PDB file of all heavy atoms in Angstrom:
ATOM      1  N   ALA A   1     120.919 125.066  97.308  1.00  0.00           N
ATOM      2  CA  ALA A   1     119.505 124.817  97.025  1.00  0.00           C
ATOM      3  C   ALA A   1     119.340 123.340  96.720  1.00  0.00           C
ATOM      4  O   ALA A   1     120.178 122.749  96.043  1.00  0.00           O
ATOM      5  CB  ALA A   1     119.032 125.654  95.840  1.00  0.00           C
ATOM      6  N   VAL A   2     118.287 122.737  97.249  1.00  0.00           N
ATOM      7  CA  VAL A   2     118.020 121.322  97.035  1.00  0.00           C
ATOM      8  C   VAL A   2     116.989 121.178  95.923  1.00  0.00           C
ATOM      9  O   VAL A   2     115.879 121.689  96.022  1.00  0.00           O
ATOM     10  CB  VAL A   2     117.520 120.658  98.325  1.00  0.00           C
ATOM     11  CG1 VAL A   2     117.221 119.186  98.081  1.00  0.00           C
ATOM     12  CG2 VAL A   2     118.547 120.815  99.431  1.00  0.00           C
ATOM     13  N   VAL A   3     117.375 120.500  94.865  1.00  0.00           N
ATOM     14  CA  VAL A   3     116.520 120.359  93.693  1.00  0.00           C
ATOM     15  C   VAL A   3     116.004 118.922  93.609  1.00  0.00           C
ATOM     16  O   VAL A   3     116.786 117.990  93.468  1.00  0.00           O
ATOM     17  CB  VAL A   3     117.285 120.707  92.401  1.00  0.00           C
ATOM     18  CG1 VAL A   3     116.361 120.616  91.201  1.00  0.00           C
ATOM     19  CG2 VAL A   3     117.892 122.098  92.511  1.00  0.00           C
ATOM     20  N   GLN A   4     114.706 118.735  93.740  1.00  0.00           N
ATOM     21  CA  GLN A   4     114.086 117.423  93.607  1.00  0.00           C
ATOM     22  C   GLN A   4     113.687 117.164  92.156  1.00  0.00           C
ATOM     23  O   GLN A   4     113.527 118.097  91.377  1.00  0.00           O
ATOM     24  CB  GLN A   4     112.818 117.338  94.466  1.00  0.00           C
ATOM     25  CG  GLN A   4     113.055 117.085  95.937  1.00  0.00           C
ATOM     26  CD  GLN A   4     111.741 116.794  96.639  1.00  0.00           C
ATOM     27  OE1 GLN A   4     110.730 117.420  96.332  1.00  0.00           O
ATOM     28  NE2 GLN A   4     111.754 115.872  97.559  1.00  0.00           N
ATOM     29  N   PRO A   5     113.521 115.874  91.802  1.00  0.00           N
ATOM     30  CA  PRO A   5     112.922 115.599  90.500  1.00  0.00           C
ATOM     31  C   PRO A   5     111.534 116.230  90.430  1.00  0.00           C
ATOM     32  O   PRO A   5     110.887 116.431  91.463  1.00  0.00           O
ATOM     33  CB  PRO A   5     112.840 114.061  90.473  1.00  0.00           C
ATOM     34  CG  PRO A   5     113.889 113.608  91.429  1.00  0.00           C
ATOM     35  CD  PRO A   5     113.933 114.642  92.506  1.00  0.00           C
ATOM     36  N   SER A   6     111.070 116.518  89.243  1.00  0.00           N
ATOM     37  CA  SER A   6     109.761 117.142  89.094  1.00  0.00           C
ATOM     38  C   SER A   6     108.671 116.211  89.597  1.00  0.00           C
ATOM     39  O   SER A   6     108.850 114.990  89.690  1.00  0.00           O
ATOM     40  CB  SER A   6     109.512 117.477  87.624  1.00  0.00           C
ATOM     41  OG  SER A   6     109.360 116.281  86.866  1.00  0.00           O
ATOM     42  N   LEU A   7     107.518 116.801  89.926  1.00  0.00           N
ATOM     43  CA  LEU A   7     106.393 115.993  90.399  1.00  0.00           C
ATOM     44  C   LEU A   7     105.985 114.976  89.343  1.00  0.00           C
ATOM     45  O   LEU A   7     105.670 113.822  89.660  1.00  0.00           O
ATOM     46  CB  LEU A   7     105.206 116.897  90.745  1.00  0.00           C
ATOM     47  CG  LEU A   7     103.937 116.177  91.215  1.00  0.00           C
ATOM     48  CD1 LEU A   7     104.201 115.364  92.478  1.00  0.00           C
ATOM     49  CD2 LEU A   7     102.802 117.171  91.434  1.00  0.00           C
ATOM     50  N   LEU A   8     106.006 115.382  88.068  1.00  0.00           N
ATOM     51  CA  LEU A   8     105.638 114.456  86.994  1.00  0.00           C
ATOM     52  C   LEU A   8     106.584 113.262  86.949  1.00  0.00           C
ATOM     53  O   LEU A   8     106.152 112.111  86.789  1.00  0.00           O
ATOM     54  CB  LEU A   8     105.647 115.187  85.649  1.00  0.00           C
ATOM     55  CG  LEU A   8     105.178 114.366  84.435  1.00  0.00           C
ATOM     56  CD1 LEU A   8     103.735 113.909  84.633  1.00  0.00           C
ATOM     57  CD2 LEU A   8     105.298 115.193  83.161  1.00  0.00           C
ATOM     58  N   ALA A   9     107.872 113.508  87.138  1.00  0.00           N
ATOM     59  CA  ALA A   9     108.842 112.414  87.138  1.00  0.00           C
ATOM     60  C   ALA A   9     108.609 111.489  88.315  1.00  0.00           C
ATOM     61  O   ALA A   9     108.680 110.257  88.189  1.00  0.00           O
ATOM     62  CB  ALA A   9     110.263 112.981  87.182  1.00  0.00           C
ATOM     63  N   ARG A  10     108.321 112.057  89.475  1.00  0.00           N
ATOM     64  CA  ARG A  10     108.091 111.232  90.659  1.00  0.00           C
ATOM     65  C   ARG A  10     106.818 110.406  90.530  1.00  0.00           C
ATOM     66  O   ARG A  10     106.778 109.232  90.916  1.00  0.00           O
ATOM     67  CB  ARG A  10     108.032 112.119  91.901  1.00  0.00           C
ATOM     68  CG  ARG A  10     109.408 112.627  92.323  1.00  0.00           C
ATOM     69  CD  ARG A  10     109.328 113.476  93.574  1.00  0.00           C
ATOM     70  NE  ARG A  10     108.876 114.822  93.274  1.00  0.00           N
ATOM     71  CZ  ARG A  10     108.038 115.525  94.034  1.00  0.00           C
ATOM     72  NH1 ARG A  10     107.532 114.988  95.125  1.00  0.00           N
ATOM     73  NH2 ARG A  10     107.709 116.747  93.703  1.00  0.00           N
ATOM     74  N   LEU A  11     105.779 110.995  89.963  1.00  0.00           N
ATOM     75  CA  LEU A  11     104.536 110.247  89.763  1.00  0.00           C
ATOM     76  C   LEU A  11     104.734 109.131  88.741  1.00  0.00           C
ATOM     77  O   LEU A  11     104.190 108.031  88.898  1.00  0.00           O
ATOM     78  CB  LEU A  11     103.418 111.194  89.324  1.00  0.00           C
ATOM     79  CG  LEU A  11     102.993 112.259  90.340  1.00  0.00           C
ATOM     80  CD1 LEU A  11     101.832 113.075  89.803  1.00  0.00           C
ATOM     81  CD2 LEU A  11     102.628 111.629  91.672  1.00  0.00           C
ATOM     82  N   GLY A  12     105.504 109.416  87.693  1.00  0.00           N
ATOM     83  CA  GLY A  12     105.805 108.372  86.714  1.00  0.00           C
ATOM     84  C   GLY A  12     106.547 107.206  87.341  1.00  0.00           C
ATOM     85  O   GLY A  12     106.282 106.036  87.039  1.00  0.00           O
ATOM     86  N   ALA A  13     107.475 107.519  88.253  1.00  0.00           N
ATOM     87  CA  ALA A  13     108.209 106.466  88.948  1.00  0.00           C
ATOM     88  C   ALA A  13     107.290 105.646  89.833  1.00  0.00           C
ATOM     89  O   ALA A  13     107.426 104.419  89.933  1.00  0.00           O
ATOM     90  CB  ALA A  13     109.339 107.083  89.776  1.00  0.00           C
ATOM     91  N   GLU A  14     106.331 106.301  90.466  1.00  0.00           N
ATOM     92  CA  GLU A  14     105.382 105.579  91.323  1.00  0.00           C
ATOM     93  C   GLU A  14     104.451 104.689  90.501  1.00  0.00           C
ATOM     94  O   GLU A  14     104.117 103.576  90.918  1.00  0.00           O
ATOM     95  CB  GLU A  14     104.568 106.568  92.155  1.00  0.00           C
ATOM     96  CG  GLU A  14     105.336 107.176  93.302  1.00  0.00           C
ATOM     97  CD  GLU A  14     105.765 106.145  94.329  1.00  0.00           C
ATOM     98  OE1 GLU A  14     104.890 105.467  94.909  1.00  0.00           O
ATOM     99  OE2 GLU A  14     106.982 105.995  94.547  1.00  0.00           O
ATOM    100  N   VAL A  15     104.024 105.169  89.341  1.00  0.00           N
ATOM    101  CA  VAL A  15     103.199 104.335  88.455  1.00  0.00           C
ATOM    102  C   VAL A  15     103.977 103.090  88.050  1.00  0.00           C
ATOM    103  O   VAL A  15     103.471 101.959  88.128  1.00  0.00           O
ATOM    104  CB  VAL A  15     102.760 105.127  87.203  1.00  0.00           C
ATOM    105  CG1 VAL A  15     102.115 104.189  86.184  1.00  0.00           C
ATOM    106  CG2 VAL A  15     101.772 106.231  87.589  1.00  0.00           C
ATOM    107  N   PHE A  16     105.219 103.287  87.623  1.00  0.00           N
ATOM    108  CA  PHE A  16     106.036 102.159  87.197  1.00  0.00           C
ATOM    109  C   PHE A  16     106.280 101.180  88.332  1.00  0.00           C
ATOM    110  O   PHE A  16     106.113  99.958  88.180  1.00  0.00           O
ATOM    111  CB  PHE A  16     107.377 102.660  86.656  1.00  0.00           C
ATOM    112  CG  PHE A  16     108.390 101.559  86.466  1.00  0.00           C
ATOM    113  CD1 PHE A  16     108.319 100.706  85.372  1.00  0.00           C
ATOM    114  CD2 PHE A  16     109.399 101.352  87.400  1.00  0.00           C
ATOM    115  CE1 PHE A  16     109.233  99.673  85.210  1.00  0.00           C
ATOM    116  CE2 PHE A  16     110.319 100.330  87.241  1.00  0.00           C
ATOM    117  CZ  PHE A  16     110.229  99.482  86.150  1.00  0.00           C
ATOM    118  N   GLY A  17     106.700 101.683  89.489  1.00  0.00           N
ATOM    119  CA  GLY A  17     107.025 100.808  90.608  1.00  0.00           C
ATOM    120  C   GLY A  17     105.826 100.025  91.103  1.00  0.00           C
ATOM    121  O   GLY A  17     105.933  98.827  91.403  1.00  0.00           O
ATOM    122  N   THR A  18     104.662 100.686  91.201  1.00  0.00           N
ATOM    123  CA  THR A  18     103.454  99.991  91.659  1.00  0.00           C
ATOM    124  C   THR A  18     102.984  98.987  90.619  1.00  0.00           C
ATOM    125  O   THR A  18     102.522  97.885  90.953  1.00  0.00           O
ATOM    126  CB  THR A  18     102.338 101.001  91.964  1.00  0.00           C
ATOM    127  OG1 THR A  18     102.852 102.051  92.792  1.00  0.00           O
ATOM    128  CG2 THR A  18     101.185 100.323  92.680  1.00  0.00           C
ATOM    129  N   PHE A  19     103.090  99.357  89.351  1.00  0.00           N
ATOM    130  CA  PHE A  19     102.748  98.426  88.262  1.00  0.00           C
ATOM    131  C   PHE A  19     103.591  97.148  88.378  1.00  0.00           C
ATOM    132  O   PHE A  19     103.066  96.030  88.319  1.00  0.00           O
ATOM    133  CB  PHE A  19     102.994  99.103  86.919  1.00  0.00           C
ATOM    134  CG  PHE A  19     102.845  98.193  85.730  1.00  0.00           C
ATOM    135  CD1 PHE A  19     101.608  97.988  85.142  1.00  0.00           C
ATOM    136  CD2 PHE A  19     103.954  97.542  85.190  1.00  0.00           C
ATOM    137  CE1 PHE A  19     101.462  97.143  84.051  1.00  0.00           C
ATOM    138  CE2 PHE A  19     103.825  96.700  84.102  1.00  0.00           C
ATOM    139  CZ  PHE A  19     102.568  96.496  83.534  1.00  0.00           C
ATOM    140  N   PHE A  20     104.880  97.310  88.547  1.00  0.00           N
ATOM    141  CA  PHE A  20     105.792  96.176  88.645  1.00  0.00           C
ATOM    142  C   PHE A  20     105.454  95.306  89.853  1.00  0.00           C
ATOM    143  O   PHE A  20     105.370  94.076  89.768  1.00  0.00           O
ATOM    144  CB  PHE A  20     107.229  96.703  88.736  1.00  0.00           C
ATOM    145  CG  PHE A  20     108.291  95.648  88.713  1.00  0.00           C
ATOM    146  CD1 PHE A  20     108.019  94.329  88.355  1.00  0.00           C
ATOM    147  CD2 PHE A  20     109.591  95.982  89.062  1.00  0.00           C
ATOM    148  CE1 PHE A  20     109.017  93.365  88.336  1.00  0.00           C
ATOM    149  CE2 PHE A  20     110.594  95.028  89.050  1.00  0.00           C
ATOM    150  CZ  PHE A  20     110.302  93.715  88.685  1.00  0.00           C
ATOM    151  N   LEU A  21     105.239  95.942  91.002  1.00  0.00           N
ATOM    152  CA  LEU A  21     104.952  95.212  92.233  1.00  0.00           C
ATOM    153  C   LEU A  21     103.657  94.415  92.130  1.00  0.00           C
ATOM    154  O   LEU A  21     103.615  93.223  92.464  1.00  0.00           O
ATOM    155  CB  LEU A  21     104.871  96.203  93.400  1.00  0.00           C
ATOM    156  CG  LEU A  21     104.527  95.623  94.765  1.00  0.00           C
ATOM    157  CD1 LEU A  21     105.594  94.634  95.221  1.00  0.00           C
ATOM    158  CD2 LEU A  21     104.365  96.754  95.793  1.00  0.00           C
ATOM    159  N   VAL A  22     102.597  95.051  91.661  1.00  0.00           N
ATOM    160  CA  VAL A  22     101.298  94.388  91.559  1.00  0.00           C
ATOM    161  C   VAL A  22     101.315  93.320  90.470  1.00  0.00           C
ATOM    162  O   VAL A  22     100.727  92.240  90.620  1.00  0.00           O
ATOM    163  CB  VAL A  22     100.185  95.425  91.306  1.00  0.00           C
ATOM    164  CG1 VAL A  22      98.842  94.742  91.051  1.00  0.00           C
ATOM    165  CG2 VAL A  22     100.082  96.371  92.506  1.00  0.00           C
ATOM    166  N   LEU A  23     102.000  93.598  89.369  1.00  0.00           N
ATOM    167  CA  LEU A  23     102.124  92.608  88.300  1.00  0.00           C
ATOM    168  C   LEU A  23     102.770  91.329  88.828  1.00  0.00           C
ATOM    169  O   LEU A  23     102.328  90.218  88.508  1.00  0.00           O
ATOM    170  CB  LEU A  23     102.956  93.179  87.158  1.00  0.00           C
ATOM    171  CG  LEU A  23     103.089  92.305  85.904  1.00  0.00           C
ATOM    172  CD1 LEU A  23     101.786  92.311  85.112  1.00  0.00           C
ATOM    173  CD2 LEU A  23     104.239  92.812  85.023  1.00  0.00           C
ATOM    174  N   ALA A  24     103.803  91.479  89.652  1.00  0.00           N
ATOM    175  CA  ALA A  24     104.505  90.306  90.184  1.00  0.00           C
ATOM    176  C   ALA A  24     103.642  89.536  91.169  1.00  0.00           C
ATOM    177  O   ALA A  24     103.519  88.301  91.081  1.00  0.00           O
ATOM    178  CB  ALA A  24     105.804  90.752  90.852  1.00  0.00           C
ATOM    179  N   ILE A  25     103.016  90.237  92.113  1.00  0.00           N
ATOM    180  CA  ILE A  25     102.248  89.552  93.159  1.00  0.00           C
ATOM    181  C   ILE A  25     101.007  88.876  92.587  1.00  0.00           C
ATOM    182  O   ILE A  25     100.784  87.675  92.779  1.00  0.00           O
ATOM    183  CB  ILE A  25     101.855  90.553  94.263  1.00  0.00           C
ATOM    184  CG1 ILE A  25     103.098  91.020  95.013  1.00  0.00           C
ATOM    185  CG2 ILE A  25     100.862  89.909  95.231  1.00  0.00           C
ATOM    186  CD1 ILE A  25     102.827  92.100  96.054  1.00  0.00           C
ATOM    187  N   ILE A  26     100.192  89.639  91.874  1.00  0.00           N
ATOM    188  CA  ILE A  26      98.951  89.061  91.342  1.00  0.00           C
ATOM    189  C   ILE A  26      99.255  88.101  90.195  1.00  0.00           C
ATOM    190  O   ILE A  26      98.589  87.075  90.032  1.00  0.00           O
ATOM    191  CB  ILE A  26      97.987  90.173  90.887  1.00  0.00           C
ATOM    192  CG1 ILE A  26      97.616  91.062  92.083  1.00  0.00           C
ATOM    193  CG2 ILE A  26      96.731  89.579  90.260  1.00  0.00           C
ATOM    194  CD1 ILE A  26      96.653  92.177  91.734  1.00  0.00           C
ATOM    195  N   GLY A  27     100.274  88.430  89.406  1.00  0.00           N
ATOM    196  CA  GLY A  27     100.617  87.559  88.282  1.00  0.00           C
ATOM    197  C   GLY A  27     101.018  86.168  88.726  1.00  0.00           C
ATOM    198  O   GLY A  27     100.623  85.165  88.109  1.00  0.00           O
ATOM    199  N   VAL A  28     101.792  86.071  89.799  1.00  0.00           N
ATOM    200  CA  VAL A  28     102.175  84.754  90.320  1.00  0.00           C
ATOM    201  C   VAL A  28     100.975  84.076  90.978  1.00  0.00           C
ATOM    202  O   VAL A  28     100.731  82.879  90.782  1.00  0.00           O
ATOM    203  CB  VAL A  28     103.341  84.887  91.313  1.00  0.00           C
ATOM    204  CG1 VAL A  28     103.617  83.557  92.009  1.00  0.00           C
ATOM    205  CG2 VAL A  28     104.603  85.374  90.601  1.00  0.00           C
ATOM    206  N   ALA A  29     100.205  84.850  91.760  1.00  0.00           N
ATOM    207  CA  ALA A  29      99.054  84.270  92.463  1.00  0.00           C
ATOM    208  C   ALA A  29      97.966  83.800  91.507  1.00  0.00           C
ATOM    209  O   ALA A  29      97.243  82.840  91.796  1.00  0.00           O
ATOM    210  CB  ALA A  29      98.476  85.303  93.429  1.00  0.00           C
ATOM    211  N   LEU A  30      97.857  84.433  90.355  1.00  0.00           N
ATOM    212  CA  LEU A  30      96.771  84.148  89.425  1.00  0.00           C
ATOM    213  C   LEU A  30      96.841  82.728  88.878  1.00  0.00           C
ATOM    214  O   LEU A  30      95.812  82.095  88.634  1.00  0.00           O
ATOM    215  CB  LEU A  30      96.812  85.158  88.272  1.00  0.00           C
ATOM    216  CG  LEU A  30      95.633  85.191  87.310  1.00  0.00           C
ATOM    217  CD1 LEU A  30      94.356  85.600  88.025  1.00  0.00           C
ATOM    218  CD2 LEU A  30      95.928  86.167  86.173  1.00  0.00           C
ATOM    219  N   TYR A  31      98.050  82.218  88.699  1.00  0.00           N
ATOM    220  CA  TYR A  31      98.201  80.906  88.051  1.00  0.00           C
ATOM    221  C   TYR A  31      98.841  79.866  88.968  1.00  0.00           C
ATOM    222  O   TYR A  31      99.469  78.924  88.501  1.00  0.00           O
ATOM    223  CB  TYR A  31      99.041  81.061  86.776  1.00  0.00           C
ATOM    224  CG  TYR A  31      98.370  81.921  85.727  1.00  0.00           C
ATOM    225  CD1 TYR A  31      98.855  83.198  85.447  1.00  0.00           C
ATOM    226  CD2 TYR A  31      97.245  81.469  85.045  1.00  0.00           C
ATOM    227  CE1 TYR A  31      98.235  83.992  84.498  1.00  0.00           C
ATOM    228  CE2 TYR A  31      96.613  82.262  84.103  1.00  0.00           C
ATOM    229  CZ  TYR A  31      97.119  83.525  83.833  1.00  0.00           C
ATOM    230  OH  TYR A  31      96.500  84.315  82.894  1.00  0.00           O
ATOM    231  N   THR A  32      98.676  80.042  90.278  1.00  0.00           N
ATOM    232  CA  THR A  32      99.247  79.056  91.198  1.00  0.00           C
ATOM    233  C   THR A  32      98.638  77.675  90.996  1.00  0.00           C
ATOM    234  O   THR A  32      99.290  76.660  91.219  1.00  0.00           O
ATOM    235  CB  THR A  32      99.034  79.488  92.657  1.00  0.00           C
ATOM    236  OG1 THR A  32      97.646  79.773  92.865  1.00  0.00           O
ATOM    237  CG2 THR A  32      99.864  80.696  93.002  1.00  0.00           C
ATOM    238  N   PHE A  33      97.386  77.619  90.568  1.00  0.00           N
ATOM    239  CA  PHE A  33      96.739  76.312  90.355  1.00  0.00           C
ATOM    240  C   PHE A  33      97.330  75.585  89.149  1.00  0.00           C
ATOM    241  O   PHE A  33      97.216  74.367  89.027  1.00  0.00           O
ATOM    242  CB  PHE A  33      95.225  76.487  90.167  1.00  0.00           C
ATOM    243  CG  PHE A  33      94.846  77.234  88.920  1.00  0.00           C
ATOM    244  CD1 PHE A  33      94.567  76.566  87.745  1.00  0.00           C
ATOM    245  CD2 PHE A  33      94.766  78.622  88.926  1.00  0.00           C
ATOM    246  CE1 PHE A  33      94.207  77.249  86.594  1.00  0.00           C
ATOM    247  CE2 PHE A  33      94.411  79.314  87.779  1.00  0.00           C
ATOM    248  CZ  PHE A  33      94.136  78.626  86.612  1.00  0.00           C
ATOM    249  N   VAL A  34      97.971  76.348  88.263  1.00  0.00           N
ATOM    250  CA  VAL A  34      98.602  75.736  87.088  1.00  0.00           C
ATOM    251  C   VAL A  34     100.035  75.327  87.399  1.00  0.00           C
ATOM    252  O   VAL A  34     100.468  74.208  87.109  1.00  0.00           O
ATOM    253  CB  VAL A  34      98.582  76.711  85.889  1.00  0.00           C
ATOM    254  CG1 VAL A  34      99.346  76.114  84.707  1.00  0.00           C
ATOM    255  CG2 VAL A  34      97.142  77.023  85.486  1.00  0.00           C
ATOM    256  N   SER A  35     100.776  76.234  88.029  1.00  0.00           N
ATOM    257  CA  SER A  35     102.199  75.994  88.270  1.00  0.00           C
ATOM    258  C   SER A  35     102.479  75.252  89.566  1.00  0.00           C
ATOM    259  O   SER A  35     103.627  74.907  89.850  1.00  0.00           O
ATOM    260  CB  SER A  35     102.942  77.336  88.304  1.00  0.00           C
ATOM    261  OG  SER A  35     102.405  78.169  89.319  1.00  0.00           O
ATOM    262  N   GLN A  36     101.427  75.029  90.359  1.00  0.00           N
ATOM    263  CA  GLN A  36     101.570  74.361  91.655  1.00  0.00           C
ATOM    264  C   GLN A  36     102.504  75.137  92.590  1.00  0.00           C
ATOM    265  O   GLN A  36     103.155  74.561  93.452  1.00  0.00           O
ATOM    266  CB  GLN A  36     102.094  72.924  91.467  1.00  0.00           C
ATOM    267  CG  GLN A  36     101.186  72.030  90.642  1.00  0.00           C
ATOM    268  CD  GLN A  36      99.786  71.910  91.235  1.00  0.00           C
ATOM    269  OE1 GLN A  36      99.630  71.619  92.407  1.00  0.00           O
ATOM    270  NE2 GLN A  36      98.768  72.147  90.412  1.00  0.00           N
TER     271      GLN A  36
END
Protein backbone atom coordinates (compact mmCIF):
# COMPACT_ATOMS: atom_id res chain seq x y z
CA ALA A 1 0.00 0.00 0.00
CA VAL A 2 1.31 3.45 -0.89
CA VAL A 3 0.89 5.94 1.94
CA GLN A 4 1.12 9.66 1.09
CA PRO A 5 1.54 12.48 3.58
CA SER A 6 -1.81 13.83 4.72
CA LEU A 7 -3.49 16.56 2.70
CA LEU A 8 -2.97 18.98 5.60
CA ALA A 9 0.76 18.26 5.60
CA ARG A 10 1.00 18.73 1.85
CA LEU A 11 -0.92 22.01 1.97
CA GLY A 12 1.31 23.23 4.79
CA ALA A 13 4.35 22.44 2.66
CA GLU A 14 2.88 24.37 -0.26
CA VAL A 15 2.16 27.39 1.94
CA PHE A 16 5.72 27.35 3.22
CA GLY A 17 7.34 26.82 -0.17
CA THR A 18 5.29 29.51 -1.92
CA PHE A 19 5.87 31.92 0.98
CA PHE A 20 9.62 31.39 0.69
CA LEU A 21 9.64 31.76 -3.10
CA VAL A 22 7.54 34.93 -3.19
CA LEU A 23 9.39 36.43 -0.22
CA ALA A 24 12.68 36.02 -2.09
CA ILE A 25 11.53 37.33 -5.47
CA ILE A 26 9.47 40.31 -4.33
CA GLY A 27 11.74 41.01 -1.37
CA VAL A 28 14.78 41.46 -3.61
CA ALA A 29 12.81 43.35 -6.28
CA LEU A 30 11.25 45.70 -3.72
CA TYR A 31 14.52 47.37 -2.75
CA THR A 32 16.53 47.22 -5.97
CA PHE A 33 16.58 51.03 -6.06
CA VAL A 34 18.35 50.99 -2.70
CA SER A 35 20.80 48.14 -3.21
CA GLN A 36 21.43 48.88 -6.90
